[in-house]
């Protein structure tokens, strides 16, 4: 295993085919080695190859490949992580949401705000938790900007988030929500106002 690792890293970009062999290996130790080396071998071409491998890999390996790609934290891998968090298979979405939280990338705020309003409660809760790992100003601006444009259950979720985060910039929308004819939204708006405003 160590010899394989050394052979891949010593070859640099030319070690990519050997790296892909380890990621396709049926042997678990070899596969784990591939995941480790995938984080070490530099170059956007490696991230592109990992993204392609992710699409063809067996379901049980996709989450681990996605985490390896996320840990590279480069321009080629980020769109794949973001898109995985936004839609698709639930298990992979949860892994991608966790990866965005771990990276703390502010560019993940729009995806996480959308996911926080997801109909699947597990996805929504994971996204709300992940929002706490991103820069507060970025998340608050995203919520305040999104509030005037959404309706239905998503609006209720954003109103609750605005209250929990005490987003002063969202006050006009919280006041509108507190006067809404929909009882659930009105209750959320009144509660959010109470959390946000001073006497």
C-alpha atoms as a PDB file:
ATOM      1  CA  UNK A   1       0.000   0.000   0.000  1.00  0.00           C
ATOM      2  CA  UNK A   2       2.748   2.436   0.934  1.00  0.00           C
ATOM      3  CA  UNK A   3       4.644   1.550  -2.244  1.00  0.00           C
ATOM      4  CA  UNK A   4       1.525   2.281  -4.301  1.00  0.00           C
ATOM      5  CA  UNK A   5       1.087   5.617  -2.565  1.00  0.00           C
ATOM      6  CA  UNK A   6       4.710   6.514  -3.235  1.00  0.00           C
ATOM      7  CA  UNK A   7       4.421   5.481  -6.890  1.00  0.00           C
ATOM      8  CA  UNK A   8       1.376   7.713  -7.426  1.00  0.00           C
ATOM      9  CA  UNK A   9       2.831  10.765  -5.699  1.00  0.00           C
ATOM     10  CA  UNK A  10       6.252  10.362  -7.342  1.00  0.00           C
ATOM     11  CA  UNK A  11       4.683  10.400 -10.799  1.00  0.00           C
ATOM     12  CA  UNK A  12       2.651  13.547 -10.100  1.00  0.00           C
ATOM     13  CA  UNK A  13       0.095  14.135 -12.852  1.00  0.00           C
ATOM     14  CA  UNK A  14       1.156  10.881 -14.546  1.00  0.00           C
ATOM     15  CA  UNK A  15       0.139   9.014 -11.384  1.00  0.00           C
ATOM     16  CA  UNK A  16      -3.528   9.777 -12.012  1.00  0.00           C
ATOM     17  CA  UNK A  17      -4.323   6.481 -13.843  1.00  0.00           C
ATOM     18  CA  UNK A  18      -2.847   4.510 -10.940  1.00  0.00           C
ATOM     19  CA  UNK A  19      -4.836   6.606  -8.471  1.00  0.00           C
ATOM     20  CA  UNK A  20      -8.049   5.807 -10.353  1.00  0.00           C
ATOM     21  CA  UNK A  21      -7.150   2.121 -10.218  1.00  0.00           C
ATOM     22  CA  UNK A  22      -6.973   2.278  -6.428  1.00  0.00           C
ATOM     23  CA  UNK A  23     -10.347   4.065  -6.274  1.00  0.00           C
ATOM     24  CA  UNK A  24     -11.919   1.302  -8.358  1.00  0.00           C
ATOM     25  CA  UNK A  25     -10.264  -1.531  -6.422  1.00  0.00           C
ATOM     26  CA  UNK A  26     -12.517  -4.088  -4.755  1.00  0.00           C
ATOM     27  CA  UNK A  27     -10.021  -4.292  -1.869  1.00  0.00           C
ATOM     28  CA  UNK A  28     -11.151  -1.884   0.864  1.00  0.00           C
ATOM     29  CA  UNK A  29      -7.651  -1.032   2.056  1.00  0.00           C
ATOM     30  CA  UNK A  30      -6.620  -0.124  -1.489  1.00  0.00           C
ATOM     31  CA  UNK A  31      -9.757   1.996  -1.892  1.00  0.00           C
ATOM     32  CA  UNK A  32      -9.017   3.821   1.398  1.00  0.00           C
ATOM     33  CA  UNK A  33      -5.482   4.434   0.198  1.00  0.00           C
ATOM     34  CA  UNK A  34      -6.904   5.957  -2.971  1.00  0.00           C
ATOM     35  CA  UNK A  35      -9.106   8.303  -0.941  1.00  0.00           C
ATOM     36  CA  UNK A  36      -6.089   9.416   1.078  1.00  0.00           C
ATOM     37  CA  UNK A  37      -3.845   9.983  -1.948  1.00  0.00           C
ATOM     38  CA  UNK A  38      -6.689  11.787  -3.754  1.00  0.00           C
ATOM     39  CA  UNK A  39      -6.403  14.469  -1.080  1.00  0.00           C
ATOM     40  CA  UNK A  40      -2.617  14.741  -1.569  1.00  0.00           C
ATOM     41  CA  UNK A  41      -2.063  14.662  -5.329  1.00  0.00           C
ATOM     42  CA  UNK A  42      -2.174  18.250  -6.644  1.00  0.00           C
ATOM     43  CA  UNK A  43      -3.776  19.570  -9.824  1.00  0.00           C
ATOM     44  CA  UNK A  44      -7.206  20.467 -11.174  1.00  0.00           C
ATOM     45  CA  UNK A  45      -7.030  17.431 -13.456  1.00  0.00           C
ATOM     46  CA  UNK A  46      -7.159  15.240 -10.353  1.00  0.00           C
ATOM     47  CA  UNK A  47     -10.319  16.988  -9.156  1.00  0.00           C
ATOM     48  CA  UNK A  48     -11.897  16.633 -12.603  1.00  0.00           C
ATOM     49  CA  UNK A  49     -11.076  12.917 -12.604  1.00  0.00           C
ATOM     50  CA  UNK A  50     -12.551  12.503  -9.106  1.00  0.00           C
ATOM     51  CA  UNK A  51     -15.741  14.253 -10.207  1.00  0.00           C
ATOM     52  CA  UNK A  52     -16.042  11.905 -13.172  1.00  0.00           C
ATOM     53  CA  UNK A  53     -15.331   8.908 -10.927  1.00  0.00           C
ATOM     54  CA  UNK A  54     -18.037  10.058  -8.519  1.00  0.00           C
ATOM     55  CA  UNK A  55     -20.651   9.818 -11.283  1.00  0.00           C
ATOM     56  CA  UNK A  56     -19.774   6.213 -12.130  1.00  0.00           C
ATOM     57  CA  UNK A  57     -18.897   4.869  -8.675  1.00  0.00           C
ATOM     58  CA  UNK A  58     -21.149   2.434  -6.771  1.00  0.00           C
ATOM     59  CA  UNK A  59     -23.664   4.170  -4.499  1.00  0.00           C
ATOM     60  CA  UNK A  60     -21.919   3.100  -1.279  1.00  0.00           C
ATOM     61  CA  UNK A  61     -18.666   4.791  -2.351  1.00  0.00           C
ATOM     62  CA  UNK A  62     -20.026   8.093  -3.611  1.00  0.00           C
ATOM     63  CA  UNK A  63     -20.159   9.829  -0.233  1.00  0.00           C
ATOM     64  CA  UNK A  64     -16.522   9.013   0.521  1.00  0.00           C
ATOM     65  CA  UNK A  65     -15.426  10.184  -2.931  1.00  0.00           C
ATOM     66  CA  UNK A  66     -17.388  13.396  -2.501  1.00  0.00           C
ATOM     67  CA  UNK A  67     -15.679  14.095   0.836  1.00  0.00           C
ATOM     68  CA  UNK A  68     -12.257  13.497  -0.733  1.00  0.00           C
ATOM     69  CA  UNK A  69     -13.161  15.892  -3.543  1.00  0.00           C
ATOM     70  CA  UNK A  70     -14.443  18.487  -1.063  1.00  0.00           C
ATOM     71  CA  UNK A  71     -11.270  18.261   1.016  1.00  0.00           C
ATOM     72  CA  UNK A  72      -9.260  19.286  -2.046  1.00  0.00           C
ATOM     73  CA  UNK A  73     -11.176  22.596  -1.833  1.00  0.00           C
ATOM     74  CA  UNK A  74     -10.390  23.770  -5.351  1.00  0.00           C
ATOM     75  CA  UNK A  75     -12.237  25.405  -8.233  1.00  0.00           C
ATOM     76  CA  UNK A  76     -12.891  22.113 -10.025  1.00  0.00           C
ATOM     77  CA  UNK A  77     -14.372  20.305  -7.030  1.00  0.00           C
ATOM     78  CA  UNK A  78     -16.516  23.035  -5.494  1.00  0.00           C
ATOM     79  CA  UNK A  79     -19.310  23.064  -8.149  1.00  0.00           C
ATOM     80  CA  UNK A  80     -19.696  19.299  -7.763  1.00  0.00           C
ATOM     81  CA  UNK A  81     -20.061  19.602  -3.978  1.00  0.00           C
ATOM     82  CA  UNK A  82     -22.511  22.503  -4.316  1.00  0.00           C
ATOM     83  CA  UNK A  83     -24.668  20.680  -6.880  1.00  0.00           C
ATOM     84  CA  UNK A  84     -24.692  17.499  -4.780  1.00  0.00           C
ATOM     85  CA  UNK A  85     -25.998  19.516  -1.809  1.00  0.00           C
ATOM     86  CA  UNK A  86     -28.726  21.106  -3.921  1.00  0.00           C
ATOM     87  CA  UNK A  87     -30.396  18.033  -5.392  1.00  0.00           C
ATOM     88  CA  UNK A  88     -30.230  14.337  -6.095  1.00  0.00           C
ATOM     89  CA  UNK A  89     -29.798  11.307  -3.880  1.00  0.00           C
ATOM     90  CA  UNK A  90     -30.569  12.094  -0.228  1.00  0.00           C
ATOM     91  CA  UNK A  91     -27.537  10.353   1.303  1.00  0.00           C
ATOM     92  CA  UNK A  92     -25.186  12.242  -1.013  1.00  0.00           C
ATOM     93  CA  UNK A  93     -26.970  15.541  -0.304  1.00  0.00           C
ATOM     94  CA  UNK A  94     -26.393  15.065   3.422  1.00  0.00           C
ATOM     95  CA  UNK A  95     -22.693  14.354   2.849  1.00  0.00           C
ATOM     96  CA  UNK A  96     -22.377  17.430   0.614  1.00  0.00           C
ATOM     97  CA  UNK A  97     -24.109  19.648   3.198  1.00  0.00           C
ATOM     98  CA  UNK A  98     -21.697  18.371   5.849  1.00  0.00           C
ATOM     99  CA  UNK A  99     -18.773  19.069   3.491  1.00  0.00           C
ATOM    100  CA  UNK A 100     -19.902  22.670   2.911  1.00  0.00           C
ATOM    101  CA  UNK A 101     -20.106  23.178   6.670  1.00  0.00           C
ATOM    102  CA  UNK A 102     -16.632  21.729   7.123  1.00  0.00           C
ATOM    103  CA  UNK A 103     -15.166  23.949   4.408  1.00  0.00           C
ATOM    104  CA  UNK A 104     -16.968  27.052   5.722  1.00  0.00           C
ATOM    105  CA  UNK A 105     -17.156  28.349   2.144  1.00  0.00           C
ATOM    106  CA  UNK A 106     -19.433  31.458   2.034  1.00  0.00           C
ATOM    107  CA  UNK A 107     -20.423  30.524  -1.541  1.00  0.00           C
ATOM    108  CA  UNK A 108     -22.408  27.659  -0.019  1.00  0.00           C
ATOM    109  CA  UNK A 109     -24.887  30.018   1.654  1.00  0.00           C
ATOM    110  CA  UNK A 110     -27.482  30.083  -1.187  1.00  0.00           C
ATOM    111  CA  UNK A 111     -27.553  26.276  -1.426  1.00  0.00           C
ATOM    112  CA  UNK A 112     -27.872  25.835   2.336  1.00  0.00           C
ATOM    113  CA  UNK A 113     -30.618  28.460   2.631  1.00  0.00           C
ATOM    114  CA  UNK A 114     -32.578  26.609  -0.075  1.00  0.00           C
ATOM    115  CA  UNK A 115     -31.953  23.265   1.617  1.00  0.00           C
ATOM    116  CA  UNK A 116     -33.097  24.666   4.978  1.00  0.00           C
ATOM    117  CA  UNK A 117     -36.559  25.020   3.440  1.00  0.00           C
ATOM    118  CA  UNK A 118     -36.541  21.485   1.961  1.00  0.00           C
ATOM    119  CA  UNK A 119     -39.598  19.307   2.485  1.00  0.00           C
ATOM    120  CA  UNK A 120     -37.364  16.544   3.853  1.00  0.00           C
ATOM    121  CA  UNK A 121     -36.880  17.423   7.523  1.00  0.00           C
ATOM    122  CA  UNK A 122     -33.512  15.635   7.780  1.00  0.00           C
ATOM    123  CA  UNK A 123     -32.119  17.656   4.863  1.00  0.00           C
ATOM    124  CA  UNK A 124     -33.605  20.865   6.287  1.00  0.00           C
ATOM    125  CA  UNK A 125     -32.162  20.317   9.773  1.00  0.00           C
ATOM    126  CA  UNK A 126     -28.728  19.416   8.391  1.00  0.00           C
ATOM    127  CA  UNK A 127     -28.733  22.601   6.298  1.00  0.00           C
ATOM    128  CA  UNK A 128     -29.757  24.777   9.260  1.00  0.00           C
ATOM    129  CA  UNK A 129     -26.948  23.310  11.334  1.00  0.00           C
ATOM    130  CA  UNK A 130     -24.471  23.812   8.487  1.00  0.00           C
ATOM    131  CA  UNK A 131     -25.464  27.478   8.145  1.00  0.00           C
ATOM    132  CA  UNK A 132     -23.954  28.042  11.568  1.00  0.00           C
ATOM    133  CA  UNK A 133     -20.521  27.136  10.166  1.00  0.00           C
ATOM    134  CA  UNK A 134     -20.545  29.865   7.504  1.00  0.00           C
ATOM    135  CA  UNK A 135     -19.712  33.555   8.050  1.00  0.00           C
ATOM    136  CA  UNK A 136     -22.776  35.072   9.775  1.00  0.00           C
ATOM    137  CA  UNK A 137     -22.875  38.220   7.634  1.00  0.00           C
ATOM    138  CA  UNK A 138     -22.970  36.257   4.385  1.00  0.00           C
ATOM    139  CA  UNK A 139     -25.770  33.977   5.586  1.00  0.00           C
ATOM    140  CA  UNK A 140     -27.804  36.856   7.030  1.00  0.00           C
ATOM    141  CA  UNK A 141     -27.544  38.836   3.802  1.00  0.00           C
ATOM    142  CA  UNK A 142     -28.660  35.807   1.806  1.00  0.00           C
ATOM    143  CA  UNK A 143     -31.710  35.252   4.035  1.00  0.00           C
ATOM    144  CA  UNK A 144     -32.689  38.937   3.997  1.00  0.00           C
ATOM    145  CA  UNK A 145     -32.335  39.106   0.211  1.00  0.00           C
ATOM    146  CA  UNK A 146     -34.291  35.892  -0.328  1.00  0.00           C
ATOM    147  CA  UNK A 147     -37.259  36.692   1.958  1.00  0.00           C
ATOM    148  CA  UNK A 148     -39.120  39.121  -0.353  1.00  0.00           C
ATOM    149  CA  UNK A 149     -38.958  36.610  -3.223  1.00  0.00           C
ATOM    150  CA  UNK A 150     -40.313  33.432  -1.604  1.00  0.00           C
ATOM    151  CA  UNK A 151     -43.714  32.239  -0.482  1.00  0.00           C
ATOM    152  CA  UNK A 152     -45.376  29.203   1.070  1.00  0.00           C
ATOM    153  CA  UNK A 153     -43.520  26.907   3.495  1.00  0.00           C
ATOM    154  CA  UNK A 154     -40.131  28.243   2.355  1.00  0.00           C
ATOM    155  CA  UNK A 155     -41.126  31.737   3.499  1.00  0.00           C
ATOM    156  CA  UNK A 156     -42.073  30.448   6.945  1.00  0.00           C
ATOM    157  CA  UNK A 157     -38.701  28.732   7.285  1.00  0.00           C
ATOM    158  CA  UNK A 158     -36.793  31.873   6.279  1.00  0.00           C
ATOM    159  CA  UNK A 159     -38.863  34.005   8.655  1.00  0.00           C
ATOM    160  CA  UNK A 160     -38.001  31.606  11.493  1.00  0.00           C
ATOM    161  CA  UNK A 161     -34.327  31.675  10.529  1.00  0.00           C
ATOM    162  CA  UNK A 162     -34.342  35.481  10.393  1.00  0.00           C
ATOM    163  CA  UNK A 163     -35.774  35.564  13.913  1.00  0.00           C
ATOM    164  CA  UNK A 164     -33.366  32.992  15.307  1.00  0.00           C
ATOM    165  CA  UNK A 165     -30.427  34.885  13.790  1.00  0.00           C
ATOM    166  CA  UNK A 166     -31.877  38.299  14.770  1.00  0.00           C
ATOM    167  CA  UNK A 167     -31.416  39.740  11.280  1.00  0.00           C
ATOM    168  CA  UNK A 168     -32.273  43.433  11.526  1.00  0.00           C
ATOM    169  CA  UNK A 169     -32.200  43.852   7.735  1.00  0.00           C
ATOM    170  CA  UNK A 170     -35.138  41.434   7.498  1.00  0.00           C
ATOM    171  CA  UNK A 171     -37.421  43.516   9.758  1.00  0.00           C
ATOM    172  CA  UNK A 172     -39.664  44.859   6.944  1.00  0.00           C
ATOM    173  CA  UNK A 173     -40.361  41.295   5.811  1.00  0.00           C
ATOM    174  CA  UNK A 174     -40.917  40.105   9.375  1.00  0.00           C
ATOM    175  CA  UNK A 175     -43.504  42.844   9.867  1.00  0.00           C
ATOM    176  CA  UNK A 176     -45.250  41.791   6.644  1.00  0.00           C
ATOM    177  CA  UNK A 177     -45.197  38.185   7.812  1.00  0.00           C
ATOM    178  CA  UNK A 178     -46.690  39.202  11.177  1.00  0.00           C
ATOM    179  CA  UNK A 179     -49.649  40.725   9.303  1.00  0.00           C
ATOM    180  CA  UNK A 180     -50.110  37.865   6.840  1.00  0.00           C
ATOM    181  CA  UNK A 181     -53.560  36.242   6.554  1.00  0.00           C
ATOM    182  CA  UNK A 182     -51.972  32.776   6.801  1.00  0.00           C
ATOM    183  CA  UNK A 183     -52.059  31.919  10.545  1.00  0.00           C
ATOM    184  CA  UNK A 184     -48.854  29.800  10.436  1.00  0.00           C
ATOM    185  CA  UNK A 185     -46.860  32.524   8.706  1.00  0.00           C
ATOM    186  CA  UNK A 186     -48.346  35.217  10.958  1.00  0.00           C
ATOM    187  CA  UNK A 187     -47.353  33.248  14.089  1.00  0.00           C
ATOM    188  CA  UNK A 188     -43.825  32.748  12.697  1.00  0.00           C
ATOM    189  CA  UNK A 189     -43.586  36.455  11.891  1.00  0.00           C
ATOM    190  CA  UNK A 190     -44.707  37.567  15.361  1.00  0.00           C
ATOM    191  CA  UNK A 191     -42.264  35.166  17.030  1.00  0.00           C
ATOM    192  CA  UNK A 192     -39.410  36.317  14.757  1.00  0.00           C
ATOM    193  CA  UNK A 193     -40.177  39.965  15.546  1.00  0.00           C
ATOM    194  CA  UNK A 194     -40.060  39.214  19.262  1.00  0.00           C
ATOM    195  CA  UNK A 195     -36.628  37.605  18.819  1.00  0.00           C
ATOM    196  CA  UNK A 196     -35.264  40.427  16.654  1.00  0.00           C
ATOM    197  CA  UNK A 197     -36.487  43.811  17.905  1.00  0.00           C
ATOM    198  CA  UNK A 198     -35.748  45.594  21.145  1.00  0.00           C
ATOM    199  CA  UNK A 199     -38.364  47.251  23.318  1.00  0.00           C
END
